[in-house]
C-alpha atoms as a PDB file:
ATOM      1  CA  MET A   1      85.471  79.285 128.063  1.00  0.00           C
ATOM      2  CA  SER A   2      83.184  78.577 131.021  1.00  0.00           C
ATOM      3  CA  GLU A   3      81.852  81.280 133.304  1.00  0.00           C
ATOM      4  CA  SER A   4      84.250  80.245 136.029  1.00  0.00           C
ATOM      5  CA  ILE A   5      86.954  82.137 134.142  1.00  0.00           C
ATOM      6  CA  SER A   6      86.891  85.775 135.162  1.00  0.00           C
ATOM      7  CA  GLN A   7      85.525  88.140 132.531  1.00  0.00           C
ATOM      8  CA  PRO A   8      86.309  91.878 132.280  1.00  0.00           C
ATOM      9  CA  GLN A   9      83.543  93.680 134.118  1.00  0.00           C
ATOM     10  CA  GLU A  10      82.569  96.447 131.706  1.00  0.00           C
ATOM     11  CA  LEU A  11      79.222  97.116 133.344  1.00  0.00           C
ATOM     12  CA  THR A  12      80.488  98.874 136.441  1.00  0.00           C
ATOM     13  CA  GLN A  13      78.466 100.403 139.242  1.00  0.00           C
ATOM     14  CA  GLN A  14      77.371 103.894 138.366  1.00  0.00           C
ATOM     15  CA  GLN A  15      75.451 106.833 139.698  1.00  0.00           C
ATOM     16  CA  GLY A  16      71.740 106.066 139.856  1.00  0.00           C
ATOM     17  CA  SER A  17      68.943 107.778 137.993  1.00  0.00           C
ATOM     18  CA  GLY A  18      68.197 109.917 141.006  1.00  0.00           C
ATOM     19  CA  GLN A  19      65.257 110.306 143.346  1.00  0.00           C
ATOM     20  CA  GLY A  20      62.816 113.073 142.465  1.00  0.00           C
ATOM     21  CA  LYS A  21      61.330 115.503 144.944  1.00  0.00           C
ATOM     22  CA  PRO A  22      58.693 113.875 147.121  1.00  0.00           C
ATOM     23  CA  ASP A  23      55.047 114.777 146.703  1.00  0.00           C
ATOM     24  CA  GLN A  24      53.035 115.997 149.651  1.00  0.00           C
ATOM     25  CA  ASP A  25      49.971 114.319 151.082  1.00  0.00           C
ATOM     26  CA  LYS A  26      46.918 116.185 152.357  1.00  0.00           C
ATOM     27  CA  SER A  27      48.493 116.652 155.770  1.00  0.00           C
ATOM     28  CA  GLY A  28      51.472 118.423 154.219  1.00  0.00           C
ATOM     29  CA  GLN A  29      53.842 115.547 154.981  1.00  0.00           C
ATOM     30  CA  ALA A  30      56.379 114.515 152.337  1.00  0.00           C
ATOM     31  CA  GLU A  31      55.291 111.376 150.528  1.00  0.00           C
ATOM     32  CA  PRO A  32      57.646 109.909 147.895  1.00  0.00           C
ATOM     33  CA  ARG A  33      56.073 108.912 144.593  1.00  0.00           C
ATOM     34  CA  LYS A  34      56.209 105.297 143.533  1.00  0.00           C
ATOM     35  CA  HIS A  35      59.019 104.699 141.051  1.00  0.00           C
ATOM     36  CA  ALA A  36      58.974 102.123 138.240  1.00  0.00           C
ATOM     37  CA  TYR A  37      62.007 100.996 136.224  1.00  0.00           C
ATOM     38  CA  LEU A  38      61.161  99.845 132.687  1.00  0.00           C
ATOM     39  CA  VAL A  39      63.943  97.974 130.897  1.00  0.00           C
ATOM     40  CA  ASP A  40      64.420  97.854 127.122  1.00  0.00           C
ATOM     41  CA  SER A  41      65.793  94.324 127.372  1.00  0.00           C
ATOM     42  CA  SER A  42      66.826  93.754 123.757  1.00  0.00           C
ATOM     43  CA  ILE A  43      69.340  96.613 123.907  1.00  0.00           C
ATOM     44  CA  TYR A  44      71.187  94.988 126.790  1.00  0.00           C
ATOM     45  CA  ILE A  45      70.976  91.481 125.328  1.00  0.00           C
ATOM     46  CA  PHE A  46      72.504  92.706 122.061  1.00  0.00           C
ATOM     47  CA  ARG A  47      75.144  94.570 124.045  1.00  0.00           C
ATOM     48  CA  GLY A  48      76.111  91.418 125.922  1.00  0.00           C
ATOM     49  CA  TRP A  49      76.342  89.598 122.590  1.00  0.00           C
ATOM     50  CA  HIS A  50      78.766  92.178 121.201  1.00  0.00           C
ATOM     51  CA  VAL A  51      80.783  92.962 124.357  1.00  0.00           C
ATOM     52  CA  TYR A  52      81.442  89.510 125.811  1.00  0.00           C
ATOM     53  CA  SER A  53      83.305  86.612 124.232  1.00  0.00           C
ATOM     54  CA  ASP A  54      81.299  83.861 122.533  1.00  0.00           C
ATOM     55  CA  GLU A  55      83.562  81.475 124.420  1.00  0.00           C
ATOM     56  CA  ILE A  56      81.274  82.017 127.416  1.00  0.00           C
ATOM     57  CA  VAL A  57      79.072  78.931 127.140  1.00  0.00           C
ATOM     58  CA  ASP A  58      76.367  77.109 129.090  1.00  0.00           C
ATOM     59  CA  ALA A  59      76.450  73.575 130.480  1.00  0.00           C
ATOM     60  CA  GLU A  60      75.764  72.149 127.004  1.00  0.00           C
ATOM     61  CA  GLY A  61      78.471  74.221 125.314  1.00  0.00           C
ATOM     62  CA  ASN A  62      76.108  76.734 123.707  1.00  0.00           C
ATOM     63  CA  PRO A  63      77.091  80.421 123.674  1.00  0.00           C
ATOM     64  CA  SER A  64      75.679  82.323 126.661  1.00  0.00           C
ATOM     65  CA  ASN A  65      77.551  85.639 126.377  1.00  0.00           C
ATOM     66  CA  ALA A  66      74.368  87.640 125.696  1.00  0.00           C
ATOM     67  CA  ILE A  67      72.697  86.071 128.751  1.00  0.00           C
ATOM     68  CA  TYR A  68      75.792  86.831 130.805  1.00  0.00           C
ATOM     69  CA  GLY A  69      75.868  90.502 129.818  1.00  0.00           C
ATOM     70  CA  PHE A  70      72.120  91.001 130.259  1.00  0.00           C
ATOM     71  CA  THR A  71      71.873  89.289 133.628  1.00  0.00           C
ATOM     72  CA  GLU A  72      74.939  91.029 135.037  1.00  0.00           C
ATOM     73  CA  PHE A  73      73.390  94.339 134.011  1.00  0.00           C
ATOM     74  CA  LEU A  74      70.170  93.371 135.794  1.00  0.00           C
ATOM     75  CA  ARG A  75      72.005  92.354 138.960  1.00  0.00           C
ATOM     76  CA  GLU A  76      73.945  95.599 139.092  1.00  0.00           C
ATOM     77  CA  LEU A  77      70.756  97.576 138.530  1.00  0.00           C
ATOM     78  CA  LEU A  78      69.019  95.757 141.383  1.00  0.00           C
ATOM     79  CA  GLU A  79      71.985  96.282 143.697  1.00  0.00           C
ATOM     80  CA  LEU A  80      72.400  99.943 142.830  1.00  0.00           C
ATOM     81  CA  GLU A  81      68.812 101.163 142.658  1.00  0.00           C
ATOM     82  CA  GLN A  82      66.995  98.584 144.811  1.00  0.00           C
ATOM     83  CA  PRO A  83      63.822  99.127 142.776  1.00  0.00           C
ATOM     84  CA  GLU A  84      60.494  98.294 144.328  1.00  0.00           C
ATOM     85  CA  TYR A  85      58.886  98.162 140.876  1.00  0.00           C
ATOM     86  CA  ILE A  86      60.628  96.842 137.768  1.00  0.00           C
ATOM     87  CA  ALA A  87      59.617  95.261 134.457  1.00  0.00           C
ATOM     88  CA  CYS A  88      61.505  94.036 131.389  1.00  0.00           C
ATOM     89  CA  ALA A  89      60.082  94.455 127.874  1.00  0.00           C
ATOM     90  CA  PHE A  90      61.236  92.045 125.171  1.00  0.00           C
ATOM     91  CA  ASP A  91      61.015  92.122 121.390  1.00  0.00           C
ATOM     92  CA  ALA A  92      59.275  88.925 120.307  1.00  0.00           C
ATOM     93  CA  ARG A  93      58.933  87.565 116.785  1.00  0.00           C
ATOM     94  CA  GLN A  94      56.584  89.977 115.007  1.00  0.00           C
ATOM     95  CA  THR A  95      54.246  87.445 113.401  1.00  0.00           C
ATOM     96  CA  ASP A  96      51.402  89.999 113.412  1.00  0.00           C
ATOM     97  CA  SER A  97      53.432  93.214 113.228  1.00  0.00           C
ATOM     98  CA  TYR A  98      51.448  96.417 113.682  1.00  0.00           C
ATOM     99  CA  ARG A  99      54.048  98.451 111.747  1.00  0.00           C
ATOM    100  CA  ARG A 100      54.467  96.012 108.868  1.00  0.00           C
ATOM    101  CA  GLU A 101      50.749  96.263 108.258  1.00  0.00           C
ATOM    102  CA  ILE A 102      51.335  99.979 107.705  1.00  0.00           C
ATOM    103  CA  PHE A 103      54.601  99.616 105.768  1.00  0.00           C
ATOM    104  CA  PRO A 104      55.657  96.094 104.682  1.00  0.00           C
ATOM    105  CA  GLU A 105      59.278  97.221 104.200  1.00  0.00           C
ATOM    106  CA  TYR A 106      59.620  98.230 107.861  1.00  0.00           C
ATOM    107  CA  LYS A 107      62.951  96.809 109.165  1.00  0.00           C
ATOM    108  CA  ALA A 108      63.233  94.710 105.983  1.00  0.00           C
ATOM    109  CA  ASN A 109      66.844  95.864 105.637  1.00  0.00           C
ATOM    110  CA  ARG A 110      67.951  94.019 108.774  1.00  0.00           C
ATOM    111  CA  PRO A 111      69.758  90.682 108.472  1.00  0.00           C
ATOM    112  CA  PRO A 112      68.275  87.758 110.414  1.00  0.00           C
ATOM    113  CA  GLN A 113      69.557  87.209 113.933  1.00  0.00           C
ATOM    114  CA  PRO A 114      72.312  84.605 114.309  1.00  0.00           C
ATOM    115  CA  ILE A 115      70.777  81.423 115.710  1.00  0.00           C
ATOM    116  CA  GLU A 116      73.336  81.511 118.542  1.00  0.00           C
ATOM    117  CA  LEU A 117      71.865  84.837 119.670  1.00  0.00           C
ATOM    118  CA  LYS A 118      68.229  84.024 118.972  1.00  0.00           C
ATOM    119  CA  ASN A 119      68.358  81.049 121.326  1.00  0.00           C
ATOM    120  CA  GLN A 120      69.655  83.238 124.147  1.00  0.00           C
ATOM    121  CA  PHE A 121      66.640  85.574 124.127  1.00  0.00           C
ATOM    122  CA  LYS A 122      64.363  82.868 125.563  1.00  0.00           C
ATOM    123  CA  HIS A 123      66.840  82.121 128.336  1.00  0.00           C
ATOM    124  CA  CYS A 124      66.983  85.816 129.229  1.00  0.00           C
ATOM    125  CA  ARG A 125      63.207  85.800 129.705  1.00  0.00           C
ATOM    126  CA  ASP A 126      63.425  82.612 131.752  1.00  0.00           C
ATOM    127  CA  PHE A 127      66.075  84.269 133.895  1.00  0.00           C
ATOM    128  CA  CYS A 128      63.804  87.271 134.542  1.00  0.00           C
ATOM    129  CA  ARG A 129      61.096  84.932 135.808  1.00  0.00           C
ATOM    130  CA  ALA A 130      63.546  83.109 138.078  1.00  0.00           C
ATOM    131  CA  ALA A 131      64.687  86.498 139.360  1.00  0.00           C
ATOM    132  CA  GLY A 132      61.093  87.512 140.130  1.00  0.00           C
ATOM    133  CA  ILE A 133      61.104  90.304 137.535  1.00  0.00           C
ATOM    134  CA  ALA A 134      57.973  90.846 135.432  1.00  0.00           C
ATOM    135  CA  ASP A 135      58.573  90.324 131.707  1.00  0.00           C
ATOM    136  CA  PHE A 136      56.372  91.324 128.770  1.00  0.00           C
ATOM    137  CA  SER A 137      56.369  90.748 125.012  1.00  0.00           C
ATOM    138  CA  SER A 138      53.983  90.731 122.055  1.00  0.00           C
ATOM    139  CA  ASN A 139      53.922  89.273 118.552  1.00  0.00           C
ATOM    140  CA  ARG A 140      52.231  92.474 117.346  1.00  0.00           C
ATOM    141  CA  PHE A 141      53.883  95.306 119.243  1.00  0.00           C
ATOM    142  CA  GLU A 142      57.564  95.959 119.893  1.00  0.00           C
ATOM    143  CA  GLY A 143      59.328  96.309 123.220  1.00  0.00           C
ATOM    144  CA  ASP A 144      59.189 100.106 122.803  1.00  0.00           C
ATOM    145  CA  ASP A 145      55.385  99.951 122.591  1.00  0.00           C
ATOM    146  CA  ILE A 146      55.215  97.767 125.686  1.00  0.00           C
ATOM    147  CA  ILE A 147      57.347 100.278 127.591  1.00  0.00           C
ATOM    148  CA  GLY A 148      55.204 103.123 126.256  1.00  0.00           C
ATOM    149  CA  THR A 149      52.017 101.394 127.374  1.00  0.00           C
ATOM    150  CA  LEU A 150      53.357 100.451 130.807  1.00  0.00           C
ATOM    151  CA  ALA A 151      54.736 103.960 131.336  1.00  0.00           C
ATOM    152  CA  THR A 152      51.369 105.510 130.494  1.00  0.00           C
ATOM    153  CA  ARG A 153      49.401 103.152 132.727  1.00  0.00           C
ATOM    154  CA  LEU A 154      51.797 103.542 135.640  1.00  0.00           C
ATOM    155  CA  ARG A 155      52.049 107.317 135.309  1.00  0.00           C
ATOM    156  CA  ASN A 156      48.258 107.471 135.542  1.00  0.00           C
ATOM    157  CA  GLU A 157      48.577 105.547 138.804  1.00  0.00           C
ATOM    158  CA  GLY A 158      50.975 108.119 140.238  1.00  0.00           C
ATOM    159  CA  PHE A 159      54.313 106.518 139.340  1.00  0.00           C
ATOM    160  CA  ARG A 160      57.337 108.322 138.048  1.00  0.00           C
ATOM    161  CA  ILE A 161      59.189 106.411 135.360  1.00  0.00           C
ATOM    162  CA  THR A 162      62.806 105.528 134.618  1.00  0.00           C
ATOM    163  CA  ILE A 163      63.339 103.999 131.154  1.00  0.00           C
ATOM    164  CA  LEU A 164      66.559 102.041 130.772  1.00  0.00           C
ATOM    165  CA  SER A 165      67.644 102.004 127.143  1.00  0.00           C
ATOM    166  CA  ALA A 166      70.339 103.187 124.749  1.00  0.00           C
ATOM    167  CA  ASP A 167      67.671 104.000 122.146  1.00  0.00           C
ATOM    168  CA  LYS A 168      66.989 107.741 122.226  1.00  0.00           C
ATOM    169  CA  ASP A 169      63.722 107.245 120.321  1.00  0.00           C
ATOM    170  CA  LEU A 170      62.260 106.192 123.676  1.00  0.00           C
ATOM    171  CA  ALA A 171      62.864 109.718 124.974  1.00  0.00           C
ATOM    172  CA  GLN A 172      59.561 110.612 123.273  1.00  0.00           C
ATOM    173  CA  LEU A 173      57.881 108.896 126.230  1.00  0.00           C
ATOM    174  CA  LEU A 174      59.347 111.214 128.864  1.00  0.00           C
ATOM    175  CA  ARG A 175      57.139 113.521 130.844  1.00  0.00           C
ATOM    176  CA  PRO A 176      58.164 115.863 133.686  1.00  0.00           C
ATOM    177  CA  GLY A 177      59.653 113.787 136.503  1.00  0.00           C
ATOM    178  CA  ASP A 178      60.639 110.872 134.229  1.00  0.00           C
ATOM    179  CA  VAL A 179      64.164 109.767 133.313  1.00  0.00           C
ATOM    180  CA  TRP A 180      65.721 108.100 130.249  1.00  0.00           C
ATOM    181  CA  TRP A 181      68.886 106.296 131.370  1.00  0.00           C
ATOM    182  CA  ASP A 182      71.529 104.758 129.104  1.00  0.00           C
ATOM    183  CA  TYR A 183      72.995 102.624 131.862  1.00  0.00           C
ATOM    184  CA  ALA A 184      76.138 101.383 130.122  1.00  0.00           C
ATOM    185  CA  ARG A 185      77.252 104.900 129.176  1.00  0.00           C
ATOM    186  CA  ASN A 186      75.800 106.448 132.344  1.00  0.00           C
ATOM    187  CA  LYS A 187      73.941 109.024 130.281  1.00  0.00           C
ATOM    188  CA  ILE A 188      70.741 110.446 131.701  1.00  0.00           C
ATOM    189  CA  LEU A 189      68.085 112.590 130.044  1.00  0.00           C
ATOM    190  CA  HIS A 190      65.328 114.345 131.970  1.00  0.00           C
ATOM    191  CA  TYR A 191      62.310 115.843 130.253  1.00  0.00           C
ATOM    192  CA  LYS A 192      63.955 119.262 129.891  1.00  0.00           C
ATOM    193  CA  ASP A 193      67.166 117.735 128.487  1.00  0.00           C
ATOM    194  CA  VAL A 194      65.465 116.222 125.455  1.00  0.00           C
ATOM    195  CA  GLU A 195      65.034 119.493 123.575  1.00  0.00           C
ATOM    196  CA  LYS A 196      68.749 120.250 124.009  1.00  0.00           C
ATOM    197  CA  SER A 197      69.613 116.880 122.517  1.00  0.00           C
ATOM    198  CA  PHE A 198      67.015 116.652 119.714  1.00  0.00           C
ATOM    199  CA  GLY A 199      66.000 120.244 119.133  1.00  0.00           C
ATOM    200  CA  VAL A 200      62.386 119.419 120.010  1.00  0.00           C
ATOM    201  CA  LYS A 201      60.449 118.450 123.116  1.00  0.00           C
ATOM    202  CA  PRO A 202      59.675 114.763 123.732  1.00  0.00           C
ATOM    203  CA  GLU A 203      56.142 115.146 122.396  1.00  0.00           C
ATOM    204  CA  LEU A 204      57.560 116.040 118.944  1.00  0.00           C
ATOM    205  CA  ILE A 205      60.284 113.397 118.578  1.00  0.00           C
ATOM    206  CA  ALA A 206      57.978 111.118 116.567  1.00  0.00           C
ATOM    207  CA  ASP A 207      57.235 114.048 114.218  1.00  0.00           C
ATOM    208  CA  LEU A 208      60.952 114.785 113.899  1.00  0.00           C
ATOM    209  CA  LEU A 209      61.708 111.169 112.977  1.00  0.00           C
ATOM    210  CA  ALA A 210      58.762 111.132 110.554  1.00  0.00           C
ATOM    211  CA  LEU A 211      60.395 114.012 108.671  1.00  0.00           C
ATOM    212  CA  THR A 212      63.975 112.719 108.734  1.00  0.00           C
ATOM    213  CA  GLY A 213      63.258 109.012 108.393  1.00  0.00           C
ATOM    214  CA  ASP A 214      65.183 106.285 110.184  1.00  0.00           C
ATOM    215  CA  LYS A 215      67.667 104.200 108.196  1.00  0.00           C
ATOM    216  CA  VAL A 216      68.067 101.663 110.991  1.00  0.00           C
ATOM    217  CA  ASP A 217      64.362 100.787 110.814  1.00  0.00           C
ATOM    218  CA  ASN A 218      64.100 101.361 107.045  1.00  0.00           C
ATOM    219  CA  ILE A 219      61.653 104.232 107.508  1.00  0.00           C
ATOM    220  CA  PRO A 220      61.745 106.682 104.581  1.00  0.00           C
ATOM    221  CA  GLY A 221      62.065 110.406 105.205  1.00  0.00           C
ATOM    222  CA  ILE A 222      62.080 113.592 103.184  1.00  0.00           C
ATOM    223  CA  PRO A 223      65.372 113.853 101.242  1.00  0.00           C
ATOM    224  CA  GLY A 224      67.557 116.696 102.454  1.00  0.00           C
ATOM    225  CA  VAL A 225      65.747 117.072 105.777  1.00  0.00           C
ATOM    226  CA  GLY A 226      67.945 116.202 108.753  1.00  0.00           C
ATOM    227  CA  TYR A 227      67.444 116.723 112.476  1.00  0.00           C
ATOM    228  CA  LYS A 228      68.360 120.416 112.368  1.00  0.00           C
ATOM    229  CA  MET A 229      66.033 121.260 109.494  1.00  0.00           C
ATOM    230  CA  ALA A 230      63.236 119.131 110.932  1.00  0.00           C
ATOM    231  CA  SER A 231      63.539 120.859 114.317  1.00  0.00           C
ATOM    232  CA  ASN A 232      63.382 124.272 112.563  1.00  0.00           C
ATOM    233  CA  LEU A 233      60.139 123.276 110.843  1.00  0.00           C
ATOM    234  CA  LEU A 234      58.653 121.893 114.050  1.00  0.00           C
ATOM    235  CA  LYS A 235      59.457 125.007 116.058  1.00  0.00           C
ATOM    236  CA  LYS A 236      57.363 126.995 113.602  1.00  0.00           C
ATOM    237  CA  TYR A 237      54.722 124.336 112.995  1.00  0.00           C
ATOM    238  CA  PRO A 238      54.695 121.907 115.966  1.00  0.00           C
ATOM    239  CA  GLY A 239      53.468 118.683 114.415  1.00  0.00           C
ATOM    240  CA  ILE A 240      53.282 116.887 111.081  1.00  0.00           C
ATOM    241  CA  GLU A 241      49.644 117.926 110.758  1.00  0.00           C
ATOM    242  CA  GLN A 242      50.499 121.629 111.087  1.00  0.00           C
ATOM    243  CA  ILE A 243      53.356 121.314 108.604  1.00  0.00           C
ATOM    244  CA  LEU A 244      51.027 119.696 106.073  1.00  0.00           C
ATOM    245  CA  ASP A 245      48.527 122.507 106.590  1.00  0.00           C
ATOM    246  CA  ASN A 246      51.195 125.175 105.981  1.00  0.00           C
ATOM    247  CA  ILE A 247      53.453 123.769 103.245  1.00  0.00           C
ATOM    248  CA  GLU A 248      53.019 126.879 101.073  1.00  0.00           C
ATOM    249  CA  LYS A 249      54.383 129.054 103.914  1.00  0.00           C
ATOM    250  CA  ILE A 250      57.669 127.159 104.450  1.00  0.00           C
ATOM    251  CA  SER A 251      59.415 129.275 101.796  1.00  0.00           C
ATOM    252  CA  GLU A 252      58.733 132.348 103.947  1.00  0.00           C
ATOM    253  CA  MET A 253      60.746 130.982 106.867  1.00  0.00           C
ATOM    254  CA  LYS A 254      64.055 132.657 107.705  1.00  0.00           C
ATOM    255  CA  PHE A 255      66.624 130.013 106.782  1.00  0.00           C
ATOM    256  CA  ARG A 256      68.767 129.335 103.749  1.00  0.00           C
ATOM    257  CA  GLY A 257      67.136 127.034 101.222  1.00  0.00           C
ATOM    258  CA  ALA A 258      63.601 127.534 102.539  1.00  0.00           C
ATOM    259  CA  LYS A 259      62.110 127.421  99.020  1.00  0.00           C
ATOM    260  CA  ARG A 260      63.878 124.137  98.272  1.00  0.00           C
ATOM    261  CA  ILE A 261      62.670 122.592 101.531  1.00  0.00           C
ATOM    262  CA  GLN A 262      59.112 123.680 100.724  1.00  0.00           C
ATOM    263  CA  MET A 263      59.404 121.948  97.360  1.00  0.00           C
ATOM    264  CA  LEU A 264      60.752 118.738  98.951  1.00  0.00           C
ATOM    265  CA  VAL A 265      58.070 118.642 101.633  1.00  0.00           C
ATOM    266  CA  ASP A 266      55.423 119.244  98.982  1.00  0.00           C
ATOM    267  CA  GLN A 267      56.775 116.427  96.795  1.00  0.00           C
ATOM    268  CA  HIS A 268      56.943 113.909  99.661  1.00  0.00           C
ATOM    269  CA  GLN A 269      54.024 115.005 101.824  1.00  0.00           C
ATOM    270  CA  HIS A 270      52.122 111.803 101.014  1.00  0.00           C
ATOM    271  CA  ILE A 271      54.515 109.707 103.136  1.00  0.00           C
ATOM    272  CA  LEU A 272      54.339 111.818 106.306  1.00  0.00           C
ATOM    273  CA  PRO A 273      51.108 110.448 107.835  1.00  0.00           C
ATOM    274  CA  MET A 274      52.506 106.938 107.370  1.00  0.00           C
ATOM    275  CA  THR A 275      55.977 107.689 108.755  1.00  0.00           C
ATOM    276  CA  LYS A 276      54.407 109.436 111.755  1.00  0.00           C
ATOM    277  CA  GLN A 277      52.523 106.216 112.531  1.00  0.00           C
ATOM    278  CA  LEU A 278      55.738 104.220 112.256  1.00  0.00           C
ATOM    279  CA  THR A 279      57.789 106.505 114.505  1.00  0.00           C
ATOM    280  CA  THR A 280      55.133 106.997 117.182  1.00  0.00           C
ATOM    281  CA  ILE A 281      55.510 104.620 120.123  1.00  0.00           C
ATOM    282  CA  VAL A 282      52.176 103.020 120.969  1.00  0.00           C
ATOM    283  CA  THR A 283      50.948 103.846 124.470  1.00  0.00           C
ATOM    284  CA  ASP A 284      47.775 101.754 124.534  1.00  0.00           C
ATOM    285  CA  ALA A 285      49.030  98.414 123.231  1.00  0.00           C
ATOM    286  CA  GLU A 286      47.304  95.200 124.232  1.00  0.00           C
ATOM    287  CA  PHE A 287      49.520  92.215 124.939  1.00  0.00           C
ATOM    288  CA  LYS A 288      48.246  88.780 125.832  1.00  0.00           C
ATOM    289  CA  GLY A 289      49.110  86.763 128.887  1.00  0.00           C
ATOM    290  CA  PRO A 290      48.418  86.959 132.606  1.00  0.00           C
ATOM    291  CA  LYS A 291      48.576  90.328 134.300  1.00  0.00           C
ATOM    292  CA  GLN A 292      51.890  90.527 136.114  1.00  0.00           C
ATOM    293  CA  ASP A 293      52.711  92.416 139.262  1.00  0.00           C
ATOM    294  CA  ILE A 294      55.743  94.592 138.582  1.00  0.00           C
ATOM    295  CA  ARG A 295      56.599  94.859 142.279  1.00  0.00           C
ATOM    296  CA  TRP A 296      59.905  93.054 142.764  1.00  0.00           C
ATOM    297  CA  SER A 297      59.622  90.559 145.600  1.00  0.00           C
ATOM    298  CA  GLY A 298      62.988  88.854 145.202  1.00  0.00           C
ATOM    299  CA  ILE A 299      64.333  85.786 143.418  1.00  0.00           C
ATOM    300  CA  ASN A 300      62.795  82.326 143.285  1.00  0.00           C
ATOM    301  CA  GLU A 301      65.799  80.468 144.654  1.00  0.00           C
ATOM    302  CA  ASP A 302      64.824  77.032 143.312  1.00  0.00           C
ATOM    303  CA  ALA A 303      64.198  78.397 139.817  1.00  0.00           C
ATOM    304  CA  MET A 304      67.441  80.381 139.995  1.00  0.00           C
ATOM    305  CA  ILE A 305      69.452  77.296 140.964  1.00  0.00           C
ATOM    306  CA  THR A 306      67.994  75.446 137.976  1.00  0.00           C
ATOM    307  CA  MET A 307      68.795  78.414 135.734  1.00  0.00           C
ATOM    308  CA  PHE A 308      72.376  78.724 136.967  1.00  0.00           C
ATOM    309  CA  ASN A 309      72.978  74.980 136.592  1.00  0.00           C
ATOM    310  CA  ARG A 310      71.828  75.247 132.980  1.00  0.00           C
ATOM    311  CA  LEU A 311      74.190  78.202 132.454  1.00  0.00           C
ATOM    312  CA  ASP A 312      77.103  76.525 134.283  1.00  0.00           C
ATOM    313  CA  ALA A 313      77.422  79.742 136.266  1.00  0.00           C
ATOM    314  CA  ALA A 314      80.377  80.415 138.517  1.00  0.00           C
ATOM    315  CA  ARG A 315      79.920  80.230 142.292  1.00  0.00           C
ATOM    316  CA  GLY A 316      80.595  83.925 142.861  1.00  0.00           C
ATOM    317  CA  ARG A 317      77.952  84.925 140.346  1.00  0.00           C
ATOM    318  CA  ARG A 318      75.384  82.662 141.974  1.00  0.00           C
ATOM    319  CA  GLU A 319      76.093  84.025 145.435  1.00  0.00           C
ATOM    320  CA  ARG A 320      75.744  87.630 144.313  1.00  0.00           C
ATOM    321  CA  TRP A 321      72.227  86.857 143.116  1.00  0.00           C
ATOM    322  CA  TYR A 322      71.290  84.798 146.172  1.00  0.00           C
ATOM    323  CA  ASN A 323      72.325  87.699 148.395  1.00  0.00           C
ATOM    324  CA  LEU A 324      69.977  90.153 146.665  1.00  0.00           C
ATOM    325  CA  GLN A 325      67.009  91.209 148.759  1.00  0.00           C
ATOM    326  CA  PRO A 326      64.115  93.529 147.961  1.00  0.00           C
ATOM    327  CA  ALA A 327      64.337  96.959 149.593  1.00  0.00           C
END
């Protein structure tokens, strides 16, 4: 099935992430803060792979459904939000993985990517470059770490941050004024919403996950400790370090089974410093390559034509991209 055949448009236009209150300059005049959109690209590539038919193929007959889903998401985001600053973070092959140095079994439970999907990741990065969107990756740090590092750098420069992802672990990066936005489900979390969802503030999400573990990433946790129990412990002792310093006092806490939880934490305390390292998103990662300007200046039309010819893209899809203009 070529792209000229109409596909169901599941990624529909939605309400944006919202504009925060403007700051004020020294003269008392309202001055809006700069706003950066940081995209967890792999989430949306995988989503395109699962949502759209593998009968969507490029000019050589190779599947391009993941590219289709990812790039349509990007176009809609650009149309809806008209971002001045935007960057896409990609998960590259972790040949020098920071987390596998800590725990060799990290993500070892995951099956290898199908070759038909793996090949599409490179094209998604190529598309970003043709679209004039900064893209980043690392063979040591994950896309989450890249987003965490960019968010920290940009926040220090006065930006407010919108993180586009369906992975709630990234909510640990939120600070007042920031937004986590699951675009496809139109779910938004602000800083104050995180505690309602997780039971802890963003700053303690890594500690929460260190206690509970994460089966998806093959991170071990303390048996019998789920989100609710972990949040109870962290409300009393906010941080893995404080819990380790007060293990003998857990049995005094006012919840059923406190003695048993104290015993379990005591038995498994040796893993907690390690799991905290695994669940903490790096905010000072170094990734090689030229420094890229994340200000979106519009598409490179020649590169986009080449890209669309390779993808055998339909005329309507091409025109929608050619008509995009920076705000």
